[in-house]
C-alpha atoms as a PDB file:
ATOM      1  CA  MET A   1     -10.813  97.762  69.573  1.00  0.00           C
ATOM      2  CA  ILE A   2      -7.468  99.396  68.797  1.00  0.00           C
ATOM      3  CA  ARG A   3      -4.641  99.104  71.282  1.00  0.00           C
ATOM      4  CA  THR A   4      -1.256 100.722  70.900  1.00  0.00           C
ATOM      5  CA  LEU A   5       2.200 100.021  72.230  1.00  0.00           C
ATOM      6  CA  ALA A   6       4.633 102.888  71.667  1.00  0.00           C
ATOM      7  CA  ILE A   7       8.377 102.717  72.355  1.00  0.00           C
ATOM      8  CA  THR A   8      10.139 106.011  73.004  1.00  0.00           C
ATOM      9  CA  ARG A   9      13.693 106.684  71.864  1.00  0.00           C
ATOM     10  CA  ASP A  10      14.965 106.083  75.385  1.00  0.00           C
ATOM     11  CA  HIS A  11      13.106 102.706  75.487  1.00  0.00           C
ATOM     12  CA  ARG A  12      10.212 103.757  77.654  1.00  0.00           C
ATOM     13  CA  VAL A  13       6.858 102.155  76.926  1.00  0.00           C
ATOM     14  CA  SER A  14       3.531 103.918  76.454  1.00  0.00           C
ATOM     15  CA  VAL A  15       0.448 101.741  76.207  1.00  0.00           C
ATOM     16  CA  ASN A  16      -2.974 102.418  74.675  1.00  0.00           C
ATOM     17  CA  VAL A  17      -2.342 105.973  73.547  1.00  0.00           C
ATOM     18  CA  PRO A  18      -5.314 106.833  71.260  1.00  0.00           C
ATOM     19  CA  LEU A  19      -4.331 106.971  67.606  1.00  0.00           C
ATOM     20  CA  ALA A  20      -5.825 110.436  67.340  1.00  0.00           C
ATOM     21  CA  GLU A  21      -3.270 111.627  69.921  1.00  0.00           C
ATOM     22  CA  LEU A  22      -0.381 109.517  68.648  1.00  0.00           C
ATOM     23  CA  ASP A  23       2.310 111.132  66.488  1.00  0.00           C
ATOM     24  CA  LEU A  24       4.581 108.469  64.988  1.00  0.00           C
ATOM     25  CA  ASN A  25       7.440 110.954  64.773  1.00  0.00           C
ATOM     26  CA  ASP A  26       7.517 111.282  68.574  1.00  0.00           C
ATOM     27  CA  TYR A  27       8.400 107.632  69.103  1.00  0.00           C
ATOM     28  CA  ALA A  28      11.103 105.205  68.033  1.00  0.00           C
ATOM     29  CA  TRP A  29       8.399 102.841  66.804  1.00  0.00           C
ATOM     30  CA  VAL A  30       4.768 101.958  67.448  1.00  0.00           C
ATOM     31  CA  TRP A  31       2.667  98.795  67.316  1.00  0.00           C
ATOM     32  CA  ALA A  32      -1.053  99.329  66.703  1.00  0.00           C
ATOM     33  CA  ASP A  33      -3.213  96.233  67.045  1.00  0.00           C
ATOM     34  CA  PHE A  34      -6.656  96.273  65.399  1.00  0.00           C
ATOM     35  CA  ASN A  35      -8.432  93.600  67.429  1.00  0.00           C
ATOM     36  CA  GLN A  36     -11.960  92.942  66.128  1.00  0.00           C
ATOM     37  CA  PRO A  37     -12.145  96.510  64.802  1.00  0.00           C
ATOM     38  CA  THR A  38     -15.426  98.233  64.092  1.00  0.00           C
ATOM     39  CA  GLU A  39     -16.129  99.680  60.664  1.00  0.00           C
ATOM     40  CA  GLU A  40     -15.150 103.140  61.914  1.00  0.00           C
ATOM     41  CA  GLU A  41     -11.893 101.820  63.380  1.00  0.00           C
ATOM     42  CA  SER A  42     -11.109  99.961  60.156  1.00  0.00           C
ATOM     43  CA  ARG A  43     -11.346 103.237  58.227  1.00  0.00           C
ATOM     44  CA  MET A  44      -8.321 104.488  60.176  1.00  0.00           C
ATOM     45  CA  LEU A  45      -6.146 102.201  58.033  1.00  0.00           C
ATOM     46  CA  ASP A  46      -6.844 104.781  55.346  1.00  0.00           C
ATOM     47  CA  THR A  47      -7.499 108.017  57.213  1.00  0.00           C
ATOM     48  CA  TYR A  48      -4.619 107.715  59.706  1.00  0.00           C
ATOM     49  CA  PHE A  49      -2.029 105.380  58.174  1.00  0.00           C
ATOM     50  CA  HIS A  50      -2.888 106.023  54.500  1.00  0.00           C
ATOM     51  CA  PHE A  51      -2.213 102.433  53.462  1.00  0.00           C
ATOM     52  CA  HIS A  52      -2.631 101.306  49.880  1.00  0.00           C
ATOM     53  CA  PRO A  53      -6.295 100.613  48.973  1.00  0.00           C
ATOM     54  CA  LEU A  54      -5.466  97.098  47.732  1.00  0.00           C
ATOM     55  CA  ALA A  55      -3.855  96.201  51.055  1.00  0.00           C
ATOM     56  CA  ILE A  56      -6.849  97.555  52.962  1.00  0.00           C
ATOM     57  CA  GLU A  57      -9.162  95.569  50.711  1.00  0.00           C
ATOM     58  CA  ASP A  58      -7.213  92.389  51.481  1.00  0.00           C
ATOM     59  CA  CYS A  59      -7.665  93.084  55.194  1.00  0.00           C
ATOM     60  CA  LEU A  60     -11.406  93.508  54.968  1.00  0.00           C
ATOM     61  CA  HIS A  61     -12.085  90.597  52.620  1.00  0.00           C
ATOM     62  CA  VAL A  62     -10.896  87.336  54.187  1.00  0.00           C
ATOM     63  CA  LEU A  63      -9.567  84.730  53.613  1.00  0.00           C
ATOM     64  CA  GLN A  64      -6.369  85.480  51.699  1.00  0.00           C
ATOM     65  CA  ARG A  65      -3.578  83.018  51.139  1.00  0.00           C
ATOM     66  CA  PRO A  66      -0.397  83.844  53.146  1.00  0.00           C
ATOM     67  CA  LYS A  67       1.587  86.315  51.094  1.00  0.00           C
ATOM     68  CA  LEU A  68       4.032  89.198  51.134  1.00  0.00           C
ATOM     69  CA  ASP A  69       3.341  92.373  49.122  1.00  0.00           C
ATOM     70  CA  TYR A  70       5.550  95.429  48.745  1.00  0.00           C
ATOM     71  CA  TYR A  71       4.359  99.020  48.740  1.00  0.00           C
ATOM     72  CA  ASP A  72       6.210 102.323  49.188  1.00  0.00           C
ATOM     73  CA  ASN A  73       8.262 101.959  52.404  1.00  0.00           C
ATOM     74  CA  LEU A  74       5.820  99.293  53.530  1.00  0.00           C
ATOM     75  CA  GLN A  75       5.549  95.518  53.533  1.00  0.00           C
ATOM     76  CA  PHE A  76       2.128  93.901  53.780  1.00  0.00           C
ATOM     77  CA  LEU A  77       1.994  90.337  55.124  1.00  0.00           C
ATOM     78  CA  VAL A  78      -0.969  88.003  55.322  1.00  0.00           C
ATOM     79  CA  LEU A  79      -0.466  85.334  57.992  1.00  0.00           C
ATOM     80  CA  HIS A  80      -2.604  82.462  59.204  1.00  0.00           C
ATOM     81  CA  ALA A  81      -3.417  81.539  62.766  1.00  0.00           C
ATOM     82  CA  LEU A  82      -4.851  78.103  63.486  1.00  0.00           C
ATOM     83  CA  ASN A  83      -8.154  77.508  65.205  1.00  0.00           C
ATOM     84  CA  PRO A  84      -7.342  74.639  67.614  1.00  0.00           C
ATOM     85  CA  VAL A  85     -10.920  73.296  67.532  1.00  0.00           C
ATOM     86  CA  THR A  86     -11.791  73.359  63.827  1.00  0.00           C
ATOM     87  CA  LEU A  87      -8.194  73.488  62.483  1.00  0.00           C
ATOM     88  CA  GLU A  88      -9.381  76.204  60.115  1.00  0.00           C
ATOM     89  CA  ALA A  89      -7.103  79.128  59.274  1.00  0.00           C
ATOM     90  CA  GLU A  90      -7.796  82.573  60.722  1.00  0.00           C
ATOM     91  CA  GLU A  91      -6.230  85.549  58.984  1.00  0.00           C
ATOM     92  CA  VAL A  92      -3.804  87.957  60.614  1.00  0.00           C
ATOM     93  CA  ASP A  93      -2.604  90.933  58.543  1.00  0.00           C
ATOM     94  CA  LEU A  94       0.584  92.877  59.263  1.00  0.00           C
ATOM     95  CA  PHE A  95       1.619  96.268  57.894  1.00  0.00           C
ATOM     96  CA  LEU A  96       5.346  96.622  58.489  1.00  0.00           C
ATOM     97  CA  GLY A  97       6.894 100.063  58.115  1.00  0.00           C
ATOM     98  CA  THR A  98      10.158 101.675  59.151  1.00  0.00           C
ATOM     99  CA  ASN A  99       8.816 102.862  62.503  1.00  0.00           C
ATOM    100  CA  PHE A 100       5.510 101.074  62.978  1.00  0.00           C
ATOM    101  CA  LEU A 101       3.751  97.736  62.905  1.00  0.00           C
ATOM    102  CA  VAL A 102       0.003  97.452  62.397  1.00  0.00           C
ATOM    103  CA  SER A 103      -1.693  94.122  63.026  1.00  0.00           C
ATOM    104  CA  PHE A 104      -5.260  93.506  61.909  1.00  0.00           C
ATOM    105  CA  HIS A 105      -7.451  90.508  62.775  1.00  0.00           C
ATOM    106  CA  HIS A 106     -11.202  89.963  62.940  1.00  0.00           C
ATOM    107  CA  GLY A 107     -11.208  87.598  65.926  1.00  0.00           C
ATOM    108  CA  VAL A 108      -9.596  87.426  69.354  1.00  0.00           C
ATOM    109  CA  LEU A 109      -6.319  85.540  68.973  1.00  0.00           C
ATOM    110  CA  GLU A 110      -4.382  84.150  71.906  1.00  0.00           C
ATOM    111  CA  GLU A 111      -1.195  84.193  69.829  1.00  0.00           C
ATOM    112  CA  VAL A 112      -1.342  87.953  69.254  1.00  0.00           C
ATOM    113  CA  ASP A 113      -2.103  88.542  72.935  1.00  0.00           C
ATOM    114  CA  GLU A 114       0.938  86.471  73.927  1.00  0.00           C
ATOM    115  CA  ALA A 115       3.151  88.403  71.505  1.00  0.00           C
ATOM    116  CA  TRP A 116       1.787  91.658  72.929  1.00  0.00           C
ATOM    117  CA  GLU A 117       2.585  90.625  76.508  1.00  0.00           C
ATOM    118  CA  ARG A 118       6.032  89.418  75.523  1.00  0.00           C
ATOM    119  CA  LEU A 119       6.946  92.715  73.918  1.00  0.00           C
ATOM    120  CA  LEU A 120       5.390  94.675  76.754  1.00  0.00           C
ATOM    121  CA  HIS A 121       7.584  92.908  79.312  1.00  0.00           C
ATOM    122  CA  HIS A 122      10.826  93.013  77.316  1.00  0.00           C
ATOM    123  CA  ALA A 123      10.671  96.324  75.451  1.00  0.00           C
ATOM    124  CA  HIS A 124      12.481  98.232  78.212  1.00  0.00           C
ATOM    125  CA  GLU A 125      15.398  95.757  78.230  1.00  0.00           C
ATOM    126  CA  ARG A 126      16.791  97.028  74.919  1.00  0.00           C
ATOM    127  CA  THR A 127      17.054  93.462  73.648  1.00  0.00           C
ATOM    128  CA  ILE A 128      15.937  92.107  70.296  1.00  0.00           C
ATOM    129  CA  TRP A 129      12.321  92.665  71.333  1.00  0.00           C
ATOM    130  CA  ALA A 130      12.821  96.442  71.477  1.00  0.00           C
ATOM    131  CA  ARG A 131      14.704  96.804  68.202  1.00  0.00           C
ATOM    132  CA  GLY A 132      11.953  98.045  66.019  1.00  0.00           C
ATOM    133  CA  PRO A 133       8.759  96.801  64.376  1.00  0.00           C
ATOM    134  CA  VAL A 134      10.575  93.923  62.618  1.00  0.00           C
ATOM    135  CA  ALA A 135      11.139  92.322  66.017  1.00  0.00           C
ATOM    136  CA  ALA A 136       7.448  92.761  66.819  1.00  0.00           C
ATOM    137  CA  ALA A 137       6.492  91.170  63.495  1.00  0.00           C
ATOM    138  CA  TYR A 138       8.833  88.282  64.271  1.00  0.00           C
ATOM    139  CA  THR A 139       7.216  87.817  67.690  1.00  0.00           C
ATOM    140  CA  VAL A 140       3.740  87.592  66.161  1.00  0.00           C
ATOM    141  CA  MET A 141       4.892  85.081  63.542  1.00  0.00           C
ATOM    142  CA  ASP A 142       6.722  83.035  66.154  1.00  0.00           C
ATOM    143  CA  LYS A 143       3.640  82.785  68.365  1.00  0.00           C
ATOM    144  CA  LEU A 144       1.427  81.862  65.426  1.00  0.00           C
ATOM    145  CA  VAL A 145       3.753  79.010  64.439  1.00  0.00           C
ATOM    146  CA  ASP A 146       4.229  77.839  68.041  1.00  0.00           C
ATOM    147  CA  HIS A 147       0.478  77.308  68.294  1.00  0.00           C
ATOM    148  CA  TYR A 148       0.540  74.924  65.313  1.00  0.00           C
ATOM    149  CA  PHE A 149       2.432  72.296  67.318  1.00  0.00           C
ATOM    150  CA  PRO A 150      -0.196  71.352  69.969  1.00  0.00           C
ATOM    151  CA  SER A 151      -2.773  70.511  67.298  1.00  0.00           C
ATOM    152  CA  LEU A 152      -0.291  68.302  65.452  1.00  0.00           C
ATOM    153  CA  PHE A 153       0.888  66.640  68.665  1.00  0.00           C
ATOM    154  CA  ALA A 154      -2.738  65.830  69.542  1.00  0.00           C
ATOM    155  CA  ILE A 155      -3.196  64.146  66.153  1.00  0.00           C
ATOM    156  CA  GLU A 156       0.021  62.169  66.626  1.00  0.00           C
ATOM    157  CA  ASP A 157      -1.190  60.982  70.043  1.00  0.00           C
ATOM    158  CA  GLU A 158      -4.441  59.778  68.497  1.00  0.00           C
ATOM    159  CA  LEU A 159      -2.492  58.069  65.726  1.00  0.00           C
ATOM    160  CA  ALA A 160      -0.272  56.236  68.212  1.00  0.00           C
ATOM    161  CA  ASP A 161      -3.318  55.183  70.222  1.00  0.00           C
ATOM    162  CA  LEU A 162      -4.984  53.963  67.036  1.00  0.00           C
ATOM    163  CA  GLU A 163      -1.995  51.774  66.247  1.00  0.00           C
ATOM    164  CA  ASN A 164      -2.008  50.266  69.744  1.00  0.00           C
ATOM    165  CA  ARG A 165      -5.689  49.308  69.759  1.00  0.00           C
ATOM    166  CA  GLY A 166      -5.995  48.475  66.070  1.00  0.00           C
ATOM    167  CA  GLY A 167      -6.953  44.833  66.654  1.00  0.00           C
ATOM    168  CA  ARG A 168      -9.706  45.477  69.182  1.00  0.00           C
ATOM    169  CA  GLU A 169     -12.187  47.371  67.022  1.00  0.00           C
ATOM    170  CA  SER A 170     -14.072  46.717  63.838  1.00  0.00           C
ATOM    171  CA  VAL A 171     -12.310  47.542  60.611  1.00  0.00           C
ATOM    172  CA  GLU A 172     -15.093  49.977  59.721  1.00  0.00           C
ATOM    173  CA  ASP A 173     -14.577  51.998  62.914  1.00  0.00           C
ATOM    174  CA  LEU A 174     -10.807  52.001  62.438  1.00  0.00           C
ATOM    175  CA  MET A 175     -11.117  53.151  58.835  1.00  0.00           C
ATOM    176  CA  ASN A 176     -13.424  56.009  59.874  1.00  0.00           C
ATOM    177  CA  GLN A 177     -10.884  57.154  62.450  1.00  0.00           C
ATOM    178  CA  VAL A 178      -8.023  56.931  59.948  1.00  0.00           C
ATOM    179  CA  PHE A 179      -9.879  59.028  57.377  1.00  0.00           C
ATOM    180  CA  ASP A 180     -10.786  61.565  60.070  1.00  0.00           C
ATOM    181  CA  LEU A 181      -7.094  61.896  60.989  1.00  0.00           C
ATOM    182  CA  ARG A 182      -6.113  62.275  57.324  1.00  0.00           C
ATOM    183  CA  SER A 183      -8.724  65.005  56.899  1.00  0.00           C
ATOM    184  CA  ARG A 184      -7.373  66.916  59.907  1.00  0.00           C
ATOM    185  CA  LEU A 185      -3.789  66.505  58.704  1.00  0.00           C
ATOM    186  CA  LEU A 186      -4.831  67.918  55.338  1.00  0.00           C
ATOM    187  CA  LYS A 187      -6.319  70.985  57.061  1.00  0.00           C
ATOM    188  CA  LEU A 188      -3.048  71.480  58.941  1.00  0.00           C
ATOM    189  CA  ARG A 189      -1.048  71.093  55.762  1.00  0.00           C
ATOM    190  CA  ARG A 190      -3.134  73.757  54.018  1.00  0.00           C
ATOM    191  CA  THR A 191      -2.061  76.206  56.726  1.00  0.00           C
ATOM    192  CA  VAL A 192       1.547  75.151  57.355  1.00  0.00           C
ATOM    193  CA  VAL A 193       2.830  74.819  53.777  1.00  0.00           C
ATOM    194  CA  PRO A 194       1.759  78.335  52.606  1.00  0.00           C
ATOM    195  CA  MET A 195       3.231  79.792  55.812  1.00  0.00           C
ATOM    196  CA  ARG A 196       6.478  77.934  55.141  1.00  0.00           C
ATOM    197  CA  ASP A 197       6.635  79.402  51.628  1.00  0.00           C
ATOM    198  CA  LEU A 198       5.913  82.874  53.027  1.00  0.00           C
ATOM    199  CA  LEU A 199       8.766  82.644  55.561  1.00  0.00           C
ATOM    200  CA  TYR A 200      11.094  81.549  52.787  1.00  0.00           C
ATOM    201  CA  ARG A 201      10.194  84.741  50.892  1.00  0.00           C
ATOM    202  CA  VAL A 202      10.682  86.870  54.011  1.00  0.00           C
ATOM    203  CA  ILE A 203      14.140  85.379  54.637  1.00  0.00           C
ATOM    204  CA  ASN A 204      15.282  85.865  51.051  1.00  0.00           C
ATOM    205  CA  SER A 205      13.557  89.180  50.370  1.00  0.00           C
ATOM    206  CA  GLN A 206      15.667  92.285  49.907  1.00  0.00           C
ATOM    207  CA  HIS A 207      12.699  94.530  50.697  1.00  0.00           C
ATOM    208  CA  VAL A 208      11.968  93.511  54.271  1.00  0.00           C
ATOM    209  CA  GLN A 209      13.940  95.783  56.589  1.00  0.00           C
ATOM    210  CA  ARG A 210      15.915  93.648  59.008  1.00  0.00           C
ATOM    211  CA  THR A 211      19.400  93.014  60.318  1.00  0.00           C
ATOM    212  CA  GLY A 212      21.390  89.815  60.204  1.00  0.00           C
ATOM    213  CA  GLU A 213      20.232  89.086  63.735  1.00  0.00           C
ATOM    214  CA  HIS A 214      16.609  89.414  62.660  1.00  0.00           C
ATOM    215  CA  THR A 215      17.250  87.041  59.762  1.00  0.00           C
ATOM    216  CA  ALA A 216      18.479  84.402  62.204  1.00  0.00           C
ATOM    217  CA  TYR A 217      15.215  84.666  64.135  1.00  0.00           C
ATOM    218  CA  PHE A 218      13.083  84.424  60.986  1.00  0.00           C
ATOM    219  CA  THR A 219      15.165  81.422  59.924  1.00  0.00           C
ATOM    220  CA  ASP A 220      14.315  79.787  63.237  1.00  0.00           C
ATOM    221  CA  ILE A 221      10.586  80.153  62.456  1.00  0.00           C
ATOM    222  CA  TYR A 222      11.221  78.729  58.989  1.00  0.00           C
ATOM    223  CA  ASP A 223      12.976  75.732  60.568  1.00  0.00           C
ATOM    224  CA  HIS A 224       9.942  75.145  62.780  1.00  0.00           C
ATOM    225  CA  LEU A 225       7.687  75.211  59.734  1.00  0.00           C
ATOM    226  CA  LEU A 226       9.955  72.749  57.935  1.00  0.00           C
ATOM    227  CA  LYS A 227       9.741  70.467  60.953  1.00  0.00           C
ATOM    228  CA  LEU A 228       5.962  70.771  60.995  1.00  0.00           C
ATOM    229  CA  THR A 229       5.790  69.959  57.280  1.00  0.00           C
ATOM    230  CA  ASP A 230       7.956  66.862  57.726  1.00  0.00           C
ATOM    231  CA  MET A 231       5.864  65.699  60.684  1.00  0.00           C
ATOM    232  CA  ILE A 232       2.626  66.177  58.751  1.00  0.00           C
ATOM    233  CA  GLU A 233       3.956  64.247  55.742  1.00  0.00           C
ATOM    234  CA  ALA A 234       5.235  61.449  57.996  1.00  0.00           C
ATOM    235  CA  ASP A 235       1.845  61.244  59.734  1.00  0.00           C
ATOM    236  CA  ARG A 236       0.031  61.184  56.396  1.00  0.00           C
ATOM    237  CA  GLU A 237       2.241  58.329  55.245  1.00  0.00           C
ATOM    238  CA  MET A 238       1.505  56.492  58.484  1.00  0.00           C
ATOM    239  CA  THR A 239      -2.238  56.924  58.037  1.00  0.00           C
ATOM    240  CA  ALA A 240      -1.883  55.691  54.453  1.00  0.00           C
ATOM    241  CA  ASP A 241      -0.042  52.598  55.727  1.00  0.00           C
ATOM    242  CA  LEU A 242      -2.730  52.022  58.357  1.00  0.00           C
ATOM    243  CA  ARG A 243      -5.433  52.428  55.731  1.00  0.00           C
ATOM    244  CA  ASP A 244      -3.746  49.903  53.438  1.00  0.00           C
ATOM    245  CA  SER A 245      -3.233  47.501  56.351  1.00  0.00           C
ATOM    246  CA  TYR A 246      -6.895  47.717  57.350  1.00  0.00           C
ATOM    247  CA  ILE A 247      -7.993  47.202  53.752  1.00  0.00           C
ATOM    248  CA  SER A 248      -5.735  44.138  53.497  1.00  0.00           C
ATOM    249  CA  LEU A 249      -7.031  42.850  56.836  1.00  0.00           C
ATOM    250  CA  ASN A 250     -10.607  43.323  55.723  1.00  0.00           C
ATOM    251  CA  SER A 251      -9.896  41.572  52.411  1.00  0.00           C
ATOM    252  CA  ASN A 252      -8.231  38.696  54.247  1.00  0.00           C
ATOM    253  CA  ARG A 253     -11.210  38.311  56.560  1.00  0.00           C
ATOM    254  CA  MET A 254     -13.535  38.356  53.598  1.00  0.00           C
ATOM    255  CA  ASN A 255     -11.445  35.707  51.852  1.00  0.00           C
ATOM    256  CA  GLN A 256     -11.616  33.507  54.959  1.00  0.00           C
ATOM    257  CA  ILE A 257     -15.383  33.866  55.063  1.00  0.00           C
ATOM    258  CA  MET A 258     -15.730  33.136  51.348  1.00  0.00           C
ATOM    259  CA  LYS A 259     -13.453  30.098  51.661  1.00  0.00           C
ATOM    260  CA  THR A 260     -15.522  28.715  54.528  1.00  0.00           C
ATOM    261  CA  LEU A 261     -18.767  29.239  52.631  1.00  0.00           C
ATOM    262  CA  THR A 262     -17.270  27.699  49.503  1.00  0.00           C
ATOM    263  CA  VAL A 263     -16.181  24.563  51.397  1.00  0.00           C
ATOM    264  CA  ILE A 264     -19.612  24.165  52.970  1.00  0.00           C
ATOM    265  CA  THR A 265     -21.345  24.665  49.619  1.00  0.00           C
ATOM    266  CA  THR A 266     -19.013  22.237  47.851  1.00  0.00           C
ATOM    267  CA  VAL A 267     -19.513  19.532  50.499  1.00  0.00           C
ATOM    268  CA  PHE A 268     -23.288  19.797  50.349  1.00  0.00           C
ATOM    269  CA  MET A 269     -23.558  19.859  46.540  1.00  0.00           C
ATOM    270  CA  PRO A 270     -23.293  16.028  46.036  1.00  0.00           C
ATOM    271  CA  LEU A 271     -25.392  15.457  49.172  1.00  0.00           C
ATOM    272  CA  THR A 272     -28.081  17.685  47.757  1.00  0.00           C
ATOM    273  CA  LEU A 273     -27.879  15.776  44.459  1.00  0.00           C
ATOM    274  CA  ILE A 274     -28.449  12.444  46.216  1.00  0.00           C
ATOM    275  CA  ALA A 275     -31.322  13.860  48.271  1.00  0.00           C
ATOM    276  CA  GLY A 276     -32.812  15.364  45.119  1.00  0.00           C
ATOM    277  CA  ILE A 277     -32.671  12.068  43.227  1.00  0.00           C
ATOM    278  CA  TYR A 278     -34.417  10.106  45.952  1.00  0.00           C
ATOM    279  CA  GLY A 279     -36.902  12.884  46.433  1.00  0.00           C
ATOM    280  CA  MET A 280     -38.365  12.355  42.947  1.00  0.00           C
ATOM    281  CA  ASN A 281     -41.871  10.912  42.809  1.00  0.00           C
ATOM    282  CA  PHE A 282     -41.356   8.095  40.297  1.00  0.00           C
ATOM    283  CA  ALA A 283     -43.344   4.903  40.950  1.00  0.00           C
ATOM    284  CA  TYR A 284     -40.571   2.478  40.020  1.00  0.00           C
ATOM    285  CA  MET A 285     -37.417   3.180  42.047  1.00  0.00           C
ATOM    286  CA  PRO A 286     -35.965  -0.151  43.319  1.00  0.00           C
ATOM    287  CA  GLU A 287     -34.142   1.432  46.299  1.00  0.00           C
ATOM    288  CA  LEU A 288     -37.387   2.775  47.719  1.00  0.00           C
ATOM    289  CA  GLN A 289     -38.537  -0.745  48.609  1.00  0.00           C
ATOM    290  CA  TRP A 290     -35.190  -1.813  50.108  1.00  0.00           C
ATOM    291  CA  LYS A 291     -35.328  -2.385  53.855  1.00  0.00           C
ATOM    292  CA  PHE A 292     -31.908  -0.815  54.513  1.00  0.00           C
ATOM    293  CA  GLY A 293     -32.145   1.865  51.808  1.00  0.00           C
ATOM    294  CA  TYR A 294     -32.624   4.839  54.149  1.00  0.00           C
ATOM    295  CA  GLY A 295     -29.612   3.962  56.324  1.00  0.00           C
ATOM    296  CA  ALA A 296     -27.485   3.105  53.297  1.00  0.00           C
ATOM    297  CA  VAL A 297     -28.167   6.473  51.662  1.00  0.00           C
ATOM    298  CA  LEU A 298     -27.389   8.353  54.895  1.00  0.00           C
ATOM    299  CA  LEU A 299     -24.160   6.367  55.284  1.00  0.00           C
ATOM    300  CA  LEU A 300     -23.231   7.132  51.676  1.00  0.00           C
ATOM    301  CA  MET A 301     -23.870  10.839  52.218  1.00  0.00           C
ATOM    302  CA  PHE A 302     -21.823  10.837  55.455  1.00  0.00           C
ATOM    303  CA  VAL A 303     -18.889   8.984  53.854  1.00  0.00           C
ATOM    304  CA  LEU A 304     -18.972  11.220  50.782  1.00  0.00           C
ATOM    305  CA  GLY A 305     -19.068  14.436  52.830  1.00  0.00           C
ATOM    306  CA  GLY A 306     -16.335  13.259  55.208  1.00  0.00           C
ATOM    307  CA  SER A 307     -14.137  12.194  52.299  1.00  0.00           C
ATOM    308  CA  MET A 308     -14.467  15.605  50.684  1.00  0.00           C
ATOM    309  CA  VAL A 309     -13.610  17.395  53.954  1.00  0.00           C
ATOM    310  CA  ALA A 310     -10.564  15.144  54.426  1.00  0.00           C
ATOM    311  CA  TRP A 311      -9.456  15.876  50.868  1.00  0.00           C
ATOM    312  CA  PHE A 312      -9.820  19.641  51.429  1.00  0.00           C
ATOM    313  CA  VAL A 313      -7.726  19.385  54.622  1.00  0.00           C
ATOM    314  CA  LYS A 314      -5.059  17.456  52.735  1.00  0.00           C
ATOM    315  CA  ARG A 315      -5.023  20.150  50.025  1.00  0.00           C
ATOM    316  CA  GLY A 316      -4.524  22.854  52.687  1.00  0.00           C
ATOM    317  CA  TRP A 317      -7.812  24.706  52.228  1.00  0.00           C
ATOM    318  CA  PHE A 318      -8.161  25.290  55.966  1.00  0.00           C
ATOM    319  CA  LYS A 319      -4.694  26.799  56.507  1.00  0.00           C
END
């Protein structure tokens, strides 16, 4: 589907004018959104707009890294939306010209729809939203970045909850949750960091057509991406600290278990030796004929074991 939003020179809005009937010269600027385009609709990137073949190829063959390319009187941007369920990147391509913006995406994106509605409601006000395709490109980028925050906030909520209930679950379960959070943070980072670098290029590029006011708005998006990057790095450090704490806790528990087993084994070693000696089947063992031999051996074993336990306590083995 291709939808169009055309702004006349007196700031009137025309919506969904077919491209075949749309003359760019009759309007101040036009936004054409290729939303899940068919193969025939995709060919209009060439037959109607006459974009560079390499840019068209990048549109049709996903997934490109966020980037900014320059062609004759045209800037081509590859942006990434974020799937809130899988945290995988979804490509959004923008062709930015002097009097048009073309957006191209293979899936339905809530962010693009929100940007469309925002421009549709504000275009007639002659504000920043009506000042050309650069403002429309900014609106799309702003909505894409705004939708990064809920996914990160959800991870931070899980991380805080994990800290609060850390002592009430097994270390194995906690470690699995920590590694799951680190994996999701890594997916976010793979989307946010390239977008941050792209916005830095847009702000400092001499090719992108914009005014000083537009630059301030793009800088605001860049600031949001810097904030997201800092939050992701802080959360990754927190998960690393939790991981190290759980590993230390697990090691400490294992040491306690090994110490307990070692004490038990050490106490029973001499007792086992005594039992082994008197369990031998020699005919001439004087103690075997002694009336009080059985009780004396048991008393010896009890005194020896108790003495060893007392000595271990004195040495601090049970602390």
